[in-house]
Amino acid sequence: MTALSTESNVTKVGTARWLLVAAGMFAVAWGGNEFTPLLVMYRLEHGFSAVTVDLFLFAYVIGIVPALLICGPLSDRLGRRPVMLPATAVAAAGSILISFGADSAGVLFSGRVFSGVALGIGMAVGGSWVKELTALDSSAAAGAGARRAAMSLTAGFALGAGVAGILAQWAPWPTHFAYLVHVGICVLAGIGMASVPETRAAVPPLDREPLRKDLLIPAASHRRFLLVVVPLAPWVFGAASVAYAVLPSLMADNSGGYPIALSALMSVIALGSGFAIQAIGRKIDTPTHARGALVALAILVVGMLLAAWAASVLTIAAALIAAAVLGCGYGMALVSGLHEVQRIAGPDDLAGLTAVFYSLTYLGFAIPAILSALTEQWPGVVTYPAIFVFGSVLAALCWVFVRTRSRAHLP
């Protein structure tokens, strides 16, 4: 009777509590992406150049990558709770800075870095915490931890962008209101996470290796990771940034007078498509073949061609179609990459390897700034349709590369 009762309690903990950690991940993802549909507003109404605005978008990568690479291994030695619990407070601080810095490039940049730090913690530590809580749930299907983490992030990305865009387009205080809403969400999510139990005991101080040694993640040299995950990872947010940053900027003069609302709609469609395809990702992904990665890259080949078409015709319908397909590519690449990572990593490497994967995915957010700089430097010579066709060719080459190694070096 005691054993049965204990098993029931463990299952209950895993079932009830992962949602609270997922809410924390949702909150930090909301903060990471609420800025995106407002890029058009900062460019048109606050006088920032296209390159500067795209650098604001990339700024939070400066916070994400160190937070991912340091906080993931740190949580392996200290536990998930002490590292993850401050994330929502850091996210709220980022939104407060951005809210009051609409005309200051330095303040906006700093706020974005804070948002990135919070998101990095949420992705590496929150994702591992959700995965471990899911493992306590005997009713969870195989791979549920990766899907729950990916879907929590994507839901936050989508709703954050959608709500912020609507509020900035039609609500009062367009540069303030959306960010204050996010602060409230962070407070609620932070309170909820405080009741979640620890899933990884802290390593006793006398048994701890130097932190610099923990930052060396052996699983990152696994050949499966190098040959399948690395070619896929930058496409995750490379596709997303094209869908909800580059294309909305190109559509600003063809938005029917509502550029912020159209940008928000494209964000929601792209991320909503990504969320939807993640729900069926477990049926596509398999541990014996890189089928999930190959499906993602195939979708991205089509998505980049559709982006070239949308950039040529500049119609709302074409832009929305391209955003939806690119969003599917984003979602499939994210969840299949996480599945590969969770199969490769051992218990001591999970948070660290997840951090490395996410760091690689966020390289894709450099794309808008690079494209803006190229088109400003060589106007009329370097065009967005041509760039997107070239992107489609690169995605096809990645598909061929991964296909030849699909069954190799399985963990």
Protein backbone atom coordinates (compact mmCIF):
# COMPACT_ATOMS: atom_id res chain seq x y z
CA MET A 1 0.00 0.00 0.00
CA THR A 2 2.82 2.41 0.89
CA ALA A 3 4.65 1.74 -2.39
CA LEU A 4 1.47 2.29 -4.40
CA SER A 5 0.76 5.51 -2.53
CA THR A 6 4.31 6.79 -3.11
CA GLU A 7 4.12 6.02 -6.83
CA SER A 8 0.78 7.82 -7.04
CA ASN A 9 2.22 10.89 -5.31
CA VAL A 10 5.24 11.00 -7.65
CA THR A 11 2.97 10.80 -10.67
CA LYS A 12 0.81 13.58 -9.25
CA VAL A 13 3.86 15.81 -8.72
CA GLY A 14 5.04 15.30 -12.29
CA THR A 15 1.57 15.89 -13.72
CA ALA A 16 0.64 18.95 -11.69
CA ARG A 17 3.93 20.79 -11.39
CA TRP A 18 5.41 20.76 -14.87
CA LEU A 19 2.64 23.16 -15.90
CA LEU A 20 3.87 25.75 -13.41
CA VAL A 21 7.41 25.59 -14.76
CA ALA A 22 5.99 25.69 -18.29
CA ALA A 23 4.17 28.89 -17.26
CA GLY A 24 7.51 30.39 -16.27
CA MET A 25 8.95 29.42 -19.65
CA PHE A 26 5.86 30.89 -21.31
CA ALA A 27 6.38 34.18 -19.45
CA VAL A 28 10.04 34.60 -20.40
CA ALA A 29 9.29 33.63 -24.01
CA TRP A 30 6.49 36.24 -24.06
CA GLY A 31 9.05 38.84 -22.99
CA GLY A 32 11.54 37.69 -25.57
CA ASN A 33 9.16 38.12 -28.50
CA GLU A 34 6.76 40.91 -27.51
CA PHE A 35 9.25 43.37 -29.00
CA THR A 36 9.26 41.77 -32.46
CA PRO A 37 5.98 43.09 -33.96
CA LEU A 38 6.85 46.55 -32.61
CA LEU A 39 10.02 46.77 -34.73
CA VAL A 40 7.96 48.56 -37.36
CA MET A 41 6.73 51.07 -34.76
CA TYR A 42 10.24 51.92 -33.57
CA ARG A 43 11.39 52.39 -37.15
CA LEU A 44 8.44 54.45 -38.42
CA GLU A 45 7.52 56.47 -35.32
CA HIS A 46 10.73 56.76 -33.31
CA GLY A 47 13.24 57.43 -36.07
CA PHE A 48 15.51 54.39 -35.75
CA SER A 49 17.08 53.02 -38.94
CA ALA A 50 16.28 49.53 -40.24
CA VAL A 51 19.73 48.26 -39.26
CA THR A 52 19.42 49.72 -35.73
CA VAL A 53 16.00 48.18 -35.24
CA ASP A 54 17.24 44.79 -36.40
CA LEU A 55 20.17 45.12 -33.99
CA PHE A 56 17.60 45.62 -31.20
CA LEU A 57 16.10 42.31 -32.28
CA PHE A 58 19.50 40.64 -32.13
CA ALA A 59 20.48 42.32 -28.84
CA TYR A 60 18.74 39.78 -26.69
CA VAL A 61 20.94 37.09 -28.19
CA ILE A 62 23.78 38.80 -26.29
CA GLY A 63 21.87 37.95 -23.11
CA ILE A 64 20.59 34.56 -24.24
CA VAL A 65 23.83 32.85 -25.19
CA PRO A 66 25.82 33.49 -21.97
CA ALA A 67 22.74 32.68 -19.87
CA LEU A 68 22.25 29.43 -21.76
CA LEU A 69 25.85 28.32 -21.59
CA ILE A 70 26.41 29.28 -17.94
CA CYS A 71 23.03 28.68 -16.31
CA GLY A 72 22.46 25.24 -17.82
CA PRO A 73 25.61 23.71 -16.28
CA LEU A 74 25.09 25.84 -13.14
CA SER A 75 21.69 24.23 -12.62
CA ASP A 76 23.29 20.80 -12.99
CA ARG A 77 25.37 21.52 -9.88
CA LEU A 78 23.01 23.76 -7.84
CA GLY A 79 19.63 22.34 -8.85
CA ARG A 80 16.95 23.71 -11.16
CA ARG A 81 14.99 25.84 -8.65
CA PRO A 82 17.63 28.37 -7.52
CA VAL A 83 18.65 29.11 -11.10
CA MET A 84 15.20 29.16 -12.75
CA LEU A 85 13.20 31.05 -10.11
CA PRO A 86 14.85 34.48 -10.78
CA ALA A 87 14.12 34.24 -14.52
CA THR A 88 10.68 35.85 -14.41
CA ALA A 89 11.97 38.77 -12.32
CA VAL A 90 14.76 39.40 -14.85
CA ALA A 91 12.21 39.25 -17.68
CA ALA A 92 10.01 41.80 -15.91
CA ALA A 93 13.01 44.12 -15.45
CA GLY A 94 13.68 43.92 -19.17
CA SER A 95 10.13 44.91 -20.03
CA ILE A 96 10.22 47.83 -17.59
CA LEU A 97 13.41 49.16 -19.22
CA ILE A 98 12.00 48.82 -22.74
CA SER A 99 8.74 50.45 -21.68
CA PHE A 100 10.46 53.62 -20.53
CA GLY A 101 13.19 53.72 -23.19
CA ALA A 102 11.27 54.08 -26.44
CA ASP A 103 13.47 56.94 -27.69
CA SER A 104 16.78 55.75 -26.28
CA ALA A 105 18.79 53.19 -28.23
CA GLY A 106 20.91 52.41 -25.17
CA VAL A 107 17.96 51.74 -22.88
CA LEU A 108 16.16 49.64 -25.49
CA PHE A 109 19.31 47.64 -26.09
CA SER A 110 19.80 47.08 -22.36
CA GLY A 111 16.20 46.00 -21.88
CA ARG A 112 16.54 43.52 -24.71
CA VAL A 113 19.67 42.06 -23.12
CA PHE A 114 17.74 41.55 -19.85
CA SER A 115 14.96 39.84 -21.80
CA GLY A 116 17.56 37.61 -23.38
CA VAL A 117 19.12 36.62 -20.07
CA ALA A 118 15.68 35.61 -18.76
CA LEU A 119 14.88 33.66 -21.89
CA GLY A 120 18.24 31.89 -21.82
CA ILE A 121 17.60 30.74 -18.26
CA GLY A 122 14.10 29.61 -19.17
CA MET A 123 15.19 27.66 -22.21
CA ALA A 124 18.13 25.79 -20.67
CA VAL A 125 17.03 25.38 -17.06
CA GLY A 126 13.25 25.51 -17.42
CA GLY A 127 13.35 23.04 -20.30
CA SER A 128 15.41 20.59 -18.25
CA TRP A 129 13.12 21.04 -15.24
CA VAL A 130 10.02 20.35 -17.35
CA LYS A 131 11.69 17.28 -18.85
CA GLU A 132 12.56 15.91 -15.40
CA LEU A 133 9.10 16.61 -14.01
CA THR A 134 7.62 14.89 -17.05
CA ALA A 135 9.78 11.83 -16.33
CA LEU A 136 7.97 11.56 -12.96
CA ASP A 137 4.64 11.34 -14.79
CA SER A 138 4.02 7.70 -15.65
CA SER A 139 1.17 8.71 -17.97
CA ALA A 140 3.42 10.88 -20.20
CA ALA A 141 4.29 9.52 -23.62
CA ALA A 142 7.87 9.10 -24.82
CA GLY A 143 9.39 12.44 -25.81
CA ALA A 144 6.69 14.41 -23.97
CA GLY A 145 9.27 16.45 -22.07
CA ALA A 146 10.80 17.90 -25.25
CA ARG A 147 7.38 18.66 -26.74
CA ARG A 148 6.11 20.32 -23.55
CA ALA A 149 9.19 22.54 -23.35
CA ALA A 150 9.07 23.48 -27.03
CA MET A 151 5.34 24.15 -27.00
CA SER A 152 5.57 26.29 -23.84
CA LEU A 153 8.17 28.49 -25.51
CA THR A 154 6.33 28.70 -28.80
CA ALA A 155 3.04 29.60 -27.10
CA GLY A 156 4.81 32.42 -25.25
CA PHE A 157 6.51 33.64 -28.41
CA ALA A 158 3.22 33.67 -30.33
CA LEU A 159 0.91 35.20 -27.73
CA GLY A 160 3.52 37.73 -26.64
CA ALA A 161 3.89 38.98 -30.19
CA GLY A 162 0.17 38.90 -30.93
CA VAL A 163 -0.98 40.72 -27.80
CA ALA A 164 1.81 43.30 -27.97
CA GLY A 165 1.03 44.06 -31.61
CA ILE A 166 -2.69 44.52 -30.95
CA LEU A 167 -2.09 46.74 -27.93
CA ALA A 168 0.52 48.86 -29.73
CA GLN A 169 -1.73 49.32 -32.76
CA TRP A 170 -5.02 50.15 -31.04
CA ALA A 171 -4.60 50.53 -27.26
CA PRO A 172 -3.44 53.69 -25.45
CA TRP A 173 0.22 54.14 -24.46
CA PRO A 174 1.55 52.00 -27.34
CA THR A 175 5.14 52.03 -26.06
CA HIS A 176 4.17 51.16 -22.48
CA PHE A 177 0.98 49.15 -22.12
CA ALA A 178 2.08 45.86 -23.69
CA TYR A 179 5.21 45.70 -21.54
CA LEU A 180 3.28 46.38 -18.33
CA VAL A 181 0.93 43.49 -19.19
CA HIS A 182 3.99 41.28 -19.45
CA VAL A 183 5.24 42.40 -16.04
CA GLY A 184 1.96 41.19 -14.53
CA ILE A 185 2.32 37.81 -16.26
CA CYS A 186 5.85 37.47 -14.90
CA VAL A 187 4.68 38.13 -11.33
CA LEU A 188 1.99 35.43 -11.56
CA ALA A 189 4.30 32.89 -13.20
CA GLY A 190 7.04 33.53 -10.66
CA ILE A 191 4.65 32.95 -7.76
CA GLY A 192 3.48 29.69 -9.37
CA MET A 193 6.98 28.33 -9.88
CA ALA A 194 7.90 28.92 -6.26
CA SER A 195 5.80 25.89 -5.23
CA VAL A 196 7.45 23.43 -7.63
CA PRO A 197 9.75 20.85 -6.02
CA GLU A 198 13.38 20.38 -6.99
CA THR A 199 14.14 17.52 -9.39
CA ARG A 200 17.94 17.60 -9.27
CA ALA A 201 19.73 17.63 -5.95
CA ALA A 202 22.59 20.09 -5.57
CA VAL A 203 26.06 18.65 -5.71
CA PRO A 204 27.69 18.98 -2.26
CA PRO A 205 30.28 21.78 -2.25
CA LEU A 206 33.15 19.41 -1.48
CA ASP A 207 32.23 17.21 -4.46
CA ARG A 208 31.91 20.00 -7.00
CA GLU A 209 34.30 20.31 -9.87
CA PRO A 210 35.38 23.86 -10.85
CA LEU A 211 32.60 25.61 -12.76
CA ARG A 212 34.87 26.11 -15.77
CA LYS A 213 35.08 22.32 -16.02
CA ASP A 214 31.29 22.04 -15.89
CA LEU A 215 31.08 24.49 -18.76
CA LEU A 216 32.89 21.95 -20.91
CA ILE A 217 30.04 19.79 -22.20
CA PRO A 218 31.36 16.46 -23.47
CA ALA A 219 28.13 15.58 -25.28
CA ALA A 220 28.61 18.61 -27.56
CA SER A 221 31.37 16.69 -29.33
CA HIS A 222 29.10 13.71 -30.00
CA ARG A 223 29.22 13.06 -33.74
CA ARG A 224 25.44 12.82 -33.96
CA PHE A 225 25.18 16.31 -32.49
CA LEU A 226 27.81 17.73 -34.84
CA LEU A 227 26.50 16.10 -38.01
CA VAL A 228 22.72 16.28 -37.54
CA VAL A 229 21.85 18.88 -34.89
CA VAL A 230 24.39 21.59 -35.75
CA PRO A 231 23.35 21.90 -39.45
CA LEU A 232 19.71 22.15 -38.36
CA ALA A 233 19.91 24.48 -35.35
CA PRO A 234 20.49 27.94 -36.97
CA TRP A 235 17.45 27.38 -39.19
CA VAL A 236 15.14 27.37 -36.16
CA PHE A 237 15.18 31.12 -35.57
CA GLY A 238 16.58 31.88 -39.00
CA ALA A 239 13.19 30.79 -40.39
CA ALA A 240 11.29 32.52 -37.59
CA SER A 241 13.13 35.83 -38.03
CA VAL A 242 12.38 35.89 -41.75
CA ALA A 243 8.70 35.17 -41.05
CA TYR A 244 8.04 37.73 -38.34
CA ALA A 245 10.82 40.32 -38.65
CA VAL A 246 12.08 40.60 -42.25
CA LEU A 247 8.84 40.06 -44.18
CA PRO A 248 6.73 42.41 -41.96
CA SER A 249 9.34 45.14 -42.49
CA LEU A 250 9.10 44.67 -46.25
CA MET A 251 5.30 44.80 -46.01
CA ALA A 252 5.15 48.05 -43.97
CA ASP A 253 4.05 50.19 -46.95
CA ASN A 254 1.60 47.55 -48.18
CA SER A 255 -0.15 46.76 -44.90
CA GLY A 256 -3.39 48.63 -45.49
CA GLY A 257 -2.41 51.28 -42.98
CA TYR A 258 -1.88 48.86 -40.08
CA PRO A 259 1.81 47.87 -40.18
CA ILE A 260 2.06 46.92 -36.48
CA ALA A 261 -1.10 44.81 -36.60
CA LEU A 262 0.08 43.03 -39.76
CA SER A 263 3.45 42.36 -38.14
CA ALA A 264 1.68 40.91 -35.10
CA LEU A 265 -0.58 38.78 -37.30
CA MET A 266 2.40 37.38 -39.20
CA SER A 267 4.11 36.57 -35.89
CA VAL A 268 1.04 34.77 -34.59
CA ILE A 269 0.57 32.82 -37.83
CA ALA A 270 4.23 31.78 -38.00
CA LEU A 271 4.45 30.78 -34.36
CA GLY A 272 0.96 29.30 -34.30
CA SER A 273 1.93 27.09 -37.23
CA GLY A 274 5.10 26.15 -35.39
CA PHE A 275 3.09 25.31 -32.28
CA ALA A 276 0.64 23.16 -34.25
CA ILE A 277 3.29 21.11 -36.02
CA GLN A 278 5.08 20.44 -32.73
CA ALA A 279 1.98 18.62 -31.55
CA ILE A 280 2.46 16.00 -34.29
CA GLY A 281 6.25 16.10 -34.17
CA ARG A 282 6.44 12.90 -32.10
CA LYS A 283 4.75 10.99 -34.92
CA ILE A 284 7.33 12.24 -37.40
CA ASP A 285 10.44 12.00 -35.22
CA THR A 286 12.07 8.62 -34.66
CA PRO A 287 15.13 7.59 -32.62
CA THR A 288 16.50 5.44 -35.47
CA HIS A 289 16.54 8.07 -38.22
CA ALA A 290 16.84 11.87 -38.57
CA ARG A 291 13.39 12.01 -40.12
CA GLY A 292 12.25 14.96 -38.02
CA ALA A 293 15.24 17.06 -39.07
CA LEU A 294 14.80 16.12 -42.72
CA VAL A 295 11.11 17.03 -42.68
CA ALA A 296 11.99 20.38 -41.08
CA LEU A 297 14.63 21.18 -43.71
CA ALA A 298 12.31 20.16 -46.55
CA ILE A 299 9.64 22.53 -45.23
CA LEU A 300 12.26 25.29 -45.00
CA VAL A 301 13.28 24.85 -48.63
CA VAL A 302 9.67 25.54 -49.62
CA GLY A 303 9.29 28.30 -47.03
CA MET A 304 12.30 30.26 -48.29
CA LEU A 305 11.02 30.03 -51.87
CA LEU A 306 7.65 31.34 -50.70
CA ALA A 307 9.44 34.18 -48.89
CA ALA A 308 11.15 35.09 -52.18
CA TRP A 309 7.75 35.14 -53.87
CA ALA A 310 6.24 37.26 -51.11
CA ALA A 311 9.14 39.73 -51.27
CA SER A 312 8.57 40.04 -55.03
CA VAL A 313 4.80 40.56 -55.09
CA LEU A 314 4.41 42.31 -51.68
CA THR A 315 0.83 41.20 -51.13
CA ILE A 316 -0.62 40.43 -47.73
CA ALA A 317 -1.82 36.99 -48.83
CA ALA A 318 1.62 35.97 -50.09
CA ALA A 319 3.29 37.22 -46.91
CA LEU A 320 0.87 35.29 -44.68
CA ILE A 321 1.34 32.07 -46.67
CA ALA A 322 5.12 32.37 -46.47
CA ALA A 323 4.94 33.09 -42.73
CA ALA A 324 2.81 29.99 -42.12
CA VAL A 325 5.17 27.64 -43.98
CA LEU A 326 8.28 29.16 -42.40
CA GLY A 327 6.58 28.79 -39.03
CA CYS A 328 6.04 25.09 -39.68
CA GLY A 329 9.73 24.78 -40.53
CA TYR A 330 10.66 26.61 -37.33
CA GLY A 331 8.47 24.41 -35.15
CA MET A 332 9.58 21.14 -36.69
CA ALA A 333 13.26 22.12 -36.51
CA LEU A 334 12.92 23.12 -32.85
CA VAL A 335 11.17 20.01 -31.60
CA SER A 336 13.23 17.56 -33.67
CA GLY A 337 16.45 19.23 -32.52
CA LEU A 338 15.34 18.95 -28.89
CA HIS A 339 14.48 15.29 -29.37
CA GLU A 340 17.95 14.61 -30.76
CA VAL A 341 19.55 16.51 -27.87
CA GLN A 342 17.60 14.65 -25.21
CA ARG A 343 18.56 11.31 -26.75
CA ILE A 344 22.25 12.24 -26.94
CA ALA A 345 22.66 13.86 -23.51
CA GLY A 346 23.18 11.93 -20.30
CA PRO A 347 21.63 13.18 -17.05
CA ASP A 348 24.71 15.28 -16.24
CA ASP A 349 24.80 16.88 -19.69
CA LEU A 350 21.12 17.54 -20.40
CA ALA A 351 20.94 21.19 -19.37
CA GLY A 352 24.35 21.95 -20.84
CA LEU A 353 23.71 20.34 -24.23
CA THR A 354 20.26 21.95 -24.39
CA ALA A 355 22.02 25.28 -23.82
CA VAL A 356 24.46 24.64 -26.66
CA PHE A 357 21.60 23.72 -28.98
CA TYR A 358 19.60 26.84 -28.17
CA SER A 359 22.70 29.02 -28.53
CA LEU A 360 23.12 27.70 -32.06
CA THR A 361 19.46 28.27 -32.86
CA TYR A 362 19.69 31.93 -31.88
CA LEU A 363 22.41 32.59 -34.41
CA GLY A 364 19.46 32.82 -36.80
CA PHE A 365 18.44 36.14 -35.25
CA ALA A 366 21.50 37.77 -36.81
CA ILE A 367 19.90 37.32 -40.22
CA PRO A 368 17.63 40.43 -40.26
CA ALA A 369 20.50 42.78 -39.33
CA ILE A 370 22.82 41.17 -41.89
CA LEU A 371 20.20 41.40 -44.63
CA SER A 372 19.40 45.04 -43.81
CA ALA A 373 23.09 45.93 -43.93
CA LEU A 374 23.60 44.13 -47.25
CA THR A 375 20.61 45.71 -48.95
CA GLU A 376 21.55 49.18 -47.70
CA GLN A 377 25.16 48.75 -48.80
CA TRP A 378 24.30 47.47 -52.29
CA PRO A 379 20.76 48.66 -53.08
CA GLY A 380 19.38 47.22 -56.28
CA VAL A 381 22.19 44.66 -56.46
CA VAL A 382 21.41 42.58 -53.37
CA THR A 383 17.64 42.07 -53.22
CA TYR A 384 15.48 40.20 -50.76
CA PRO A 385 13.95 37.82 -53.36
CA ALA A 386 17.44 36.78 -54.49
CA ILE A 387 18.60 36.36 -50.88
CA PHE A 388 15.65 34.13 -50.04
CA VAL A 389 16.24 31.95 -53.12
CA PHE A 390 19.83 31.56 -51.98
CA GLY A 391 18.51 30.61 -48.54
CA SER A 392 16.37 27.92 -50.12
CA VAL A 393 19.44 26.47 -51.85
CA LEU A 394 21.34 26.45 -48.51
CA ALA A 395 18.45 24.63 -46.82
CA ALA A 396 18.47 22.05 -49.61
CA LEU A 397 22.22 21.50 -49.18
CA CYS A 398 21.71 21.02 -45.43
CA TRP A 399 18.99 18.47 -46.22
CA VAL A 400 21.38 16.49 -48.43
CA PHE A 401 24.11 16.64 -45.78
CA VAL A 402 21.83 15.43 -42.97
CA ARG A 403 20.26 12.77 -45.20
CA THR A 404 23.62 11.13 -45.79
CA ARG A 405 24.17 10.91 -42.01
CA SER A 406 20.61 10.23 -40.96
CA ARG A 407 21.24 6.80 -39.40
CA ALA A 408 24.85 7.35 -38.38
CA HIS A 409 26.23 7.69 -34.83
CA LEU A 410 22.94 6.96 -33.13
CA PRO A 411 23.22 7.38 -29.34
